[in-house]
């Protein structure tokens, strides 16, 4: 199960059960609050690290032309359950870079089955 907290002290925190399939849809808005679709020349990257100071990512997913990150069971199968840090960065075709989700908590939770 994928759960995202939108408000409160844990805004943008994601909880994902280890080994689950899940889809995280990314919806971008411009200054006029209009939806901005990613083109094939744009790129969005979700990076998960052990903590914000870690050099290496434990998982990185890329969207090229599309609006969602698709987690497969294999993506988290080898990761230990616990707290991680993630962010989402978008690079547009004009080479402008935007961190659209700032560093936030990512929890990989245990499942019962």
N, C-alpha and C. Protein backbone atom coordinates (compact mmCIF):
# COMPACT_ATOMS: atom_id res chain seq x y z
N UNK A 1 0.83 -1.17 0.00
CA UNK A 1 0.00 0.00 0.00
C UNK A 1 0.88 1.25 0.00
N UNK A 2 0.51 2.22 -0.77
CA UNK A 2 1.20 3.51 -0.84
C UNK A 2 0.31 4.55 -0.19
N UNK A 3 0.88 5.31 0.73
CA UNK A 3 0.15 6.37 1.42
C UNK A 3 1.00 7.63 1.40
N UNK A 4 0.39 8.76 1.05
CA UNK A 4 1.09 10.04 1.01
C UNK A 4 0.38 11.00 1.96
N UNK A 5 1.14 11.66 2.82
CA UNK A 5 0.57 12.66 3.73
C UNK A 5 0.70 14.02 3.05
N UNK A 6 -0.43 14.68 2.88
CA UNK A 6 -0.46 15.95 2.16
C UNK A 6 -0.38 17.18 3.05
N UNK A 7 -0.71 17.02 4.34
CA UNK A 7 -0.76 18.16 5.26
C UNK A 7 -0.06 17.81 6.57
N UNK A 8 0.08 18.81 7.40
CA UNK A 8 0.60 18.59 8.74
C UNK A 8 2.11 18.53 8.81
N UNK A 9 2.61 18.07 9.97
CA UNK A 9 4.05 18.09 10.21
C UNK A 9 4.84 17.10 9.34
N UNK A 10 4.16 16.16 8.73
CA UNK A 10 4.84 15.16 7.89
C UNK A 10 4.42 15.29 6.43
N UNK A 11 4.22 16.54 5.98
CA UNK A 11 3.80 16.79 4.61
C UNK A 11 4.76 16.11 3.62
N UNK A 12 4.20 15.47 2.62
CA UNK A 12 4.90 14.75 1.56
C UNK A 12 5.50 13.41 2.00
N UNK A 13 5.27 13.00 3.25
CA UNK A 13 5.79 11.70 3.68
C UNK A 13 5.07 10.59 2.92
N UNK A 14 5.87 9.67 2.39
CA UNK A 14 5.34 8.50 1.69
C UNK A 14 5.60 7.28 2.55
N UNK A 15 4.57 6.43 2.67
CA UNK A 15 4.73 5.12 3.29
C UNK A 15 4.36 4.08 2.24
N UNK A 16 5.27 3.14 2.02
CA UNK A 16 5.06 2.07 1.05
C UNK A 16 5.38 0.75 1.72
N UNK A 17 4.49 -0.22 1.58
CA UNK A 17 4.74 -1.56 2.11
C UNK A 17 5.77 -2.25 1.23
N UNK A 18 6.81 -2.79 1.87
CA UNK A 18 7.90 -3.46 1.16
C UNK A 18 7.35 -4.54 0.23
N UNK A 19 7.81 -4.53 -1.03
CA UNK A 19 7.41 -5.54 -2.00
C UNK A 19 6.10 -5.29 -2.70
N UNK A 20 5.45 -4.16 -2.41
CA UNK A 20 4.17 -3.85 -3.07
C UNK A 20 4.38 -3.14 -4.41
N UNK A 21 3.42 -3.31 -5.29
CA UNK A 21 3.33 -2.51 -6.51
C UNK A 21 2.60 -1.23 -6.14
N UNK A 22 3.00 -0.12 -6.74
CA UNK A 22 2.34 1.15 -6.45
C UNK A 22 2.65 2.15 -7.55
N UNK A 23 1.77 3.14 -7.68
CA UNK A 23 1.96 4.21 -8.65
C UNK A 23 1.90 5.53 -7.93
N UNK A 24 2.92 6.35 -8.16
CA UNK A 24 2.96 7.70 -7.61
C UNK A 24 2.82 8.66 -8.78
N UNK A 25 1.66 9.31 -8.85
CA UNK A 25 1.40 10.24 -9.95
C UNK A 25 1.96 11.61 -9.61
N UNK A 26 2.60 12.22 -10.59
CA UNK A 26 3.20 13.53 -10.44
C UNK A 26 2.38 14.53 -11.24
N UNK A 27 1.86 15.54 -10.55
CA UNK A 27 1.08 16.57 -11.23
C UNK A 27 1.76 17.91 -10.98
N UNK A 28 2.21 18.53 -12.06
CA UNK A 28 2.93 19.80 -11.97
C UNK A 28 2.03 20.94 -12.40
N UNK A 29 2.20 22.10 -11.74
CA UNK A 29 1.41 23.28 -12.05
C UNK A 29 2.33 24.47 -12.32
N UNK A 30 1.90 25.35 -13.23
CA UNK A 30 2.66 26.56 -13.49
C UNK A 30 2.19 27.67 -12.55
N UNK A 31 2.71 28.88 -12.74
CA UNK A 31 2.38 30.02 -11.88
C UNK A 31 0.90 30.41 -11.95
N UNK A 32 0.23 30.05 -13.04
CA UNK A 32 -1.20 30.35 -13.18
C UNK A 32 -2.07 29.18 -12.71
N UNK A 33 -1.43 28.22 -12.05
CA UNK A 33 -2.11 27.04 -11.51
C UNK A 33 -2.70 26.13 -12.59
N UNK A 34 -2.07 26.12 -13.76
CA UNK A 34 -2.47 25.23 -14.84
C UNK A 34 -1.55 24.01 -14.84
N UNK A 35 -2.11 22.85 -15.14
CA UNK A 35 -1.33 21.62 -15.17
C UNK A 35 -0.30 21.68 -16.29
N UNK A 36 0.94 21.28 -15.98
CA UNK A 36 2.02 21.26 -16.95
C UNK A 36 2.40 19.80 -17.20
N UNK A 37 2.06 19.27 -18.38
CA UNK A 37 2.46 17.88 -18.69
C UNK A 37 3.94 17.83 -19.04
N UNK A 38 4.58 16.73 -18.69
CA UNK A 38 5.98 16.53 -19.08
C UNK A 38 6.02 16.07 -20.53
N UNK A 39 6.93 16.64 -21.30
CA UNK A 39 7.12 16.22 -22.69
C UNK A 39 8.22 15.17 -22.73
N UNK A 40 8.46 14.61 -23.90
CA UNK A 40 9.51 13.60 -24.03
C UNK A 40 10.90 14.21 -23.82
N UNK A 41 11.01 15.53 -23.90
CA UNK A 41 12.29 16.20 -23.67
C UNK A 41 12.51 16.57 -22.20
N UNK A 42 11.49 16.39 -21.36
CA UNK A 42 11.58 16.68 -19.93
C UNK A 42 11.88 15.39 -19.17
N UNK A 43 12.34 15.57 -17.93
CA UNK A 43 12.71 14.40 -17.14
C UNK A 43 12.40 14.66 -15.67
N UNK A 44 11.77 13.70 -15.00
CA UNK A 44 11.52 13.78 -13.56
C UNK A 44 12.22 12.61 -12.89
N UNK A 45 12.89 12.89 -11.77
CA UNK A 45 13.66 11.86 -11.07
C UNK A 45 13.24 11.84 -9.60
N UNK A 46 12.86 10.67 -9.13
CA UNK A 46 12.59 10.43 -7.72
C UNK A 46 13.82 9.71 -7.17
N UNK A 47 14.43 10.28 -6.15
CA UNK A 47 15.63 9.70 -5.55
C UNK A 47 15.35 9.40 -4.09
N UNK A 48 15.67 8.16 -3.69
CA UNK A 48 15.53 7.75 -2.29
C UNK A 48 16.92 7.42 -1.77
N UNK A 49 17.27 8.02 -0.62
CA UNK A 49 18.55 7.78 0.03
C UNK A 49 18.32 7.34 1.47
N UNK A 50 19.35 6.75 2.06
CA UNK A 50 19.27 6.33 3.45
C UNK A 50 18.94 7.53 4.34
N UNK A 51 19.61 8.64 4.10
CA UNK A 51 19.31 9.90 4.78
C UNK A 51 19.78 11.04 3.88
N UNK A 52 19.48 12.24 4.25
CA UNK A 52 19.74 13.38 3.36
C UNK A 52 21.23 13.58 3.07
N UNK A 53 22.10 13.11 3.97
CA UNK A 53 23.54 13.28 3.77
C UNK A 53 24.21 12.11 3.06
N UNK A 54 23.47 11.08 2.72
CA UNK A 54 24.04 9.92 2.03
C UNK A 54 24.49 10.30 0.63
N UNK A 55 25.61 9.74 0.20
CA UNK A 55 26.12 9.99 -1.14
C UNK A 55 25.31 9.23 -2.20
N UNK A 56 25.07 7.96 -1.93
CA UNK A 56 24.44 7.10 -2.94
C UNK A 56 22.94 6.93 -2.69
N UNK A 57 22.22 6.81 -3.79
CA UNK A 57 20.78 6.52 -3.71
C UNK A 57 20.57 5.03 -3.49
N UNK A 58 19.54 4.68 -2.71
CA UNK A 58 19.17 3.27 -2.58
C UNK A 58 18.18 2.88 -3.67
N UNK A 59 17.50 3.89 -4.22
CA UNK A 59 16.56 3.66 -5.33
C UNK A 59 16.39 4.97 -6.07
N UNK A 60 16.41 4.90 -7.40
CA UNK A 60 16.15 6.08 -8.21
C UNK A 60 15.26 5.67 -9.37
N UNK A 61 14.21 6.46 -9.58
CA UNK A 61 13.26 6.19 -10.65
C UNK A 61 13.17 7.43 -11.54
N UNK A 62 13.00 7.20 -12.83
CA UNK A 62 12.98 8.31 -13.80
C UNK A 62 11.70 8.24 -14.62
N UNK A 63 11.09 9.42 -14.80
CA UNK A 63 9.96 9.56 -15.73
C UNK A 63 10.49 10.31 -16.94
N UNK A 64 10.36 9.73 -18.08
CA UNK A 64 10.63 10.43 -19.33
C UNK A 64 9.34 10.29 -20.14
N UNK A 65 8.69 11.42 -20.35
CA UNK A 65 7.40 11.45 -21.04
C UNK A 65 6.39 10.59 -20.31
N UNK A 66 5.70 11.21 -19.42
CA UNK A 66 4.69 10.55 -18.61
C UNK A 66 4.49 11.36 -17.35
N UNK A 67 3.67 10.87 -16.47
CA UNK A 67 3.37 11.64 -15.27
C UNK A 67 3.35 10.75 -14.03
N UNK A 68 4.02 9.57 -14.06
CA UNK A 68 3.95 8.75 -12.86
C UNK A 68 5.19 7.88 -12.68
N UNK A 69 5.47 7.59 -11.41
CA UNK A 69 6.51 6.65 -11.03
C UNK A 69 5.81 5.34 -10.69
N UNK A 70 6.24 4.26 -11.29
CA UNK A 70 5.64 2.94 -11.05
C UNK A 70 6.60 2.06 -10.26
N UNK A 71 6.23 1.77 -9.02
CA UNK A 71 7.02 0.87 -8.18
C UNK A 71 6.62 -0.57 -8.48
N UNK A 72 7.61 -1.43 -8.63
CA UNK A 72 7.36 -2.87 -8.78
C UNK A 72 7.83 -3.55 -7.50
N UNK A 73 7.38 -4.78 -7.24
CA UNK A 73 7.84 -5.48 -6.04
C UNK A 73 9.37 -5.58 -5.97
N UNK A 74 10.03 -5.74 -7.11
CA UNK A 74 11.49 -5.87 -7.13
C UNK A 74 12.21 -4.59 -6.68
N UNK A 75 11.55 -3.43 -6.83
CA UNK A 75 12.19 -2.16 -6.46
C UNK A 75 12.56 -2.09 -4.99
N UNK A 76 11.74 -2.70 -4.13
CA UNK A 76 11.97 -2.61 -2.68
C UNK A 76 12.30 -3.95 -2.03
N UNK A 77 12.31 -5.02 -2.80
CA UNK A 77 12.48 -6.37 -2.24
C UNK A 77 13.76 -6.53 -1.43
N UNK A 78 14.85 -5.88 -1.84
CA UNK A 78 16.14 -6.05 -1.17
C UNK A 78 16.44 -4.95 -0.15
N UNK A 79 15.55 -3.97 -0.02
CA UNK A 79 15.80 -2.87 0.91
C UNK A 79 15.29 -3.22 2.31
N UNK A 80 16.04 -2.85 3.35
CA UNK A 80 15.54 -3.05 4.70
C UNK A 80 14.38 -2.09 4.98
N UNK A 81 13.43 -2.54 5.76
CA UNK A 81 12.34 -1.66 6.18
C UNK A 81 12.91 -0.56 7.08
N UNK A 82 12.30 0.60 7.01
CA UNK A 82 12.75 1.71 7.86
C UNK A 82 12.51 3.05 7.21
N UNK A 83 13.13 4.09 7.78
CA UNK A 83 12.97 5.46 7.31
C UNK A 83 14.08 5.82 6.33
N UNK A 84 13.67 6.47 5.26
CA UNK A 84 14.58 6.97 4.23
C UNK A 84 14.22 8.42 3.95
N UNK A 85 14.97 9.05 3.06
CA UNK A 85 14.71 10.42 2.62
C UNK A 85 14.56 10.40 1.10
N UNK A 86 13.63 11.18 0.56
CA UNK A 86 13.45 11.24 -0.89
C UNK A 86 13.18 12.66 -1.33
N UNK A 87 13.35 12.91 -2.61
CA UNK A 87 12.88 14.13 -3.23
C UNK A 87 12.56 13.83 -4.69
N UNK A 88 11.92 14.79 -5.36
CA UNK A 88 11.63 14.66 -6.79
C UNK A 88 12.12 15.93 -7.47
N UNK A 89 12.95 15.73 -8.49
CA UNK A 89 13.52 16.84 -9.24
C UNK A 89 13.11 16.72 -10.70
N UNK A 90 12.71 17.84 -11.28
CA UNK A 90 12.30 17.89 -12.68
C UNK A 90 13.29 18.75 -13.46
N UNK A 91 13.77 18.22 -14.58
CA UNK A 91 14.60 18.97 -15.51
C UNK A 91 13.81 19.14 -16.79
N UNK A 92 13.52 20.38 -17.13
CA UNK A 92 12.74 20.67 -18.34
C UNK A 92 13.65 20.72 -19.56
N UNK A 93 13.04 20.69 -20.72
CA UNK A 93 13.80 20.68 -21.97
C UNK A 93 14.68 21.92 -22.13
N UNK A 94 14.33 23.02 -21.46
CA UNK A 94 15.14 24.23 -21.53
C UNK A 94 16.29 24.21 -20.51
N UNK A 95 16.49 23.04 -19.85
CA UNK A 95 17.56 22.80 -18.87
C UNK A 95 17.32 23.45 -17.52
N UNK A 96 16.15 24.06 -17.30
CA UNK A 96 15.81 24.55 -15.97
C UNK A 96 15.51 23.36 -15.07
N UNK A 97 15.97 23.45 -13.83
CA UNK A 97 15.82 22.36 -12.86
C UNK A 97 14.99 22.85 -11.69
N UNK A 98 14.00 22.03 -11.30
CA UNK A 98 13.12 22.36 -10.18
C UNK A 98 12.98 21.16 -9.26
N UNK A 99 13.19 21.38 -7.96
CA UNK A 99 12.89 20.34 -6.98
C UNK A 99 11.43 20.53 -6.62
N UNK A 100 10.56 19.69 -7.19
CA UNK A 100 9.12 19.87 -7.04
C UNK A 100 8.57 19.22 -5.76
N UNK A 101 9.30 18.27 -5.22
CA UNK A 101 9.02 17.75 -3.87
C UNK A 101 10.33 17.85 -3.12
N UNK A 102 10.38 18.70 -2.08
CA UNK A 102 11.64 18.86 -1.34
C UNK A 102 11.96 17.61 -0.54
N UNK A 103 13.18 17.53 0.00
CA UNK A 103 13.52 16.35 0.80
C UNK A 103 12.45 16.07 1.85
N UNK A 104 11.94 14.84 1.81
CA UNK A 104 10.84 14.41 2.68
C UNK A 104 11.07 12.98 3.11
N UNK A 105 10.28 12.55 4.06
CA UNK A 105 10.45 11.21 4.62
C UNK A 105 9.78 10.15 3.74
N UNK A 106 10.49 9.04 3.57
CA UNK A 106 9.97 7.88 2.85
C UNK A 106 10.11 6.70 3.80
N UNK A 107 8.97 6.07 4.12
CA UNK A 107 8.99 4.94 5.04
C UNK A 107 8.68 3.66 4.26
N UNK A 108 9.57 2.70 4.37
CA UNK A 108 9.35 1.39 3.80
C UNK A 108 8.87 0.49 4.95
N UNK A 109 7.60 0.14 4.87
CA UNK A 109 6.95 -0.57 5.98
C UNK A 109 6.93 -2.07 5.77
N UNK A 110 6.87 -2.80 6.87
CA UNK A 110 6.75 -4.25 6.83
C UNK A 110 5.31 -4.63 6.50
N UNK A 111 5.16 -5.74 5.81
CA UNK A 111 3.84 -6.29 5.55
C UNK A 111 3.61 -7.52 6.43
N UNK A 112 2.39 -7.91 6.61
CA UNK A 112 2.07 -9.09 7.42
C UNK A 112 2.22 -10.37 6.60
N UNK A 113 1.82 -10.33 5.33
CA UNK A 113 1.90 -11.54 4.50
C UNK A 113 3.17 -11.60 3.71
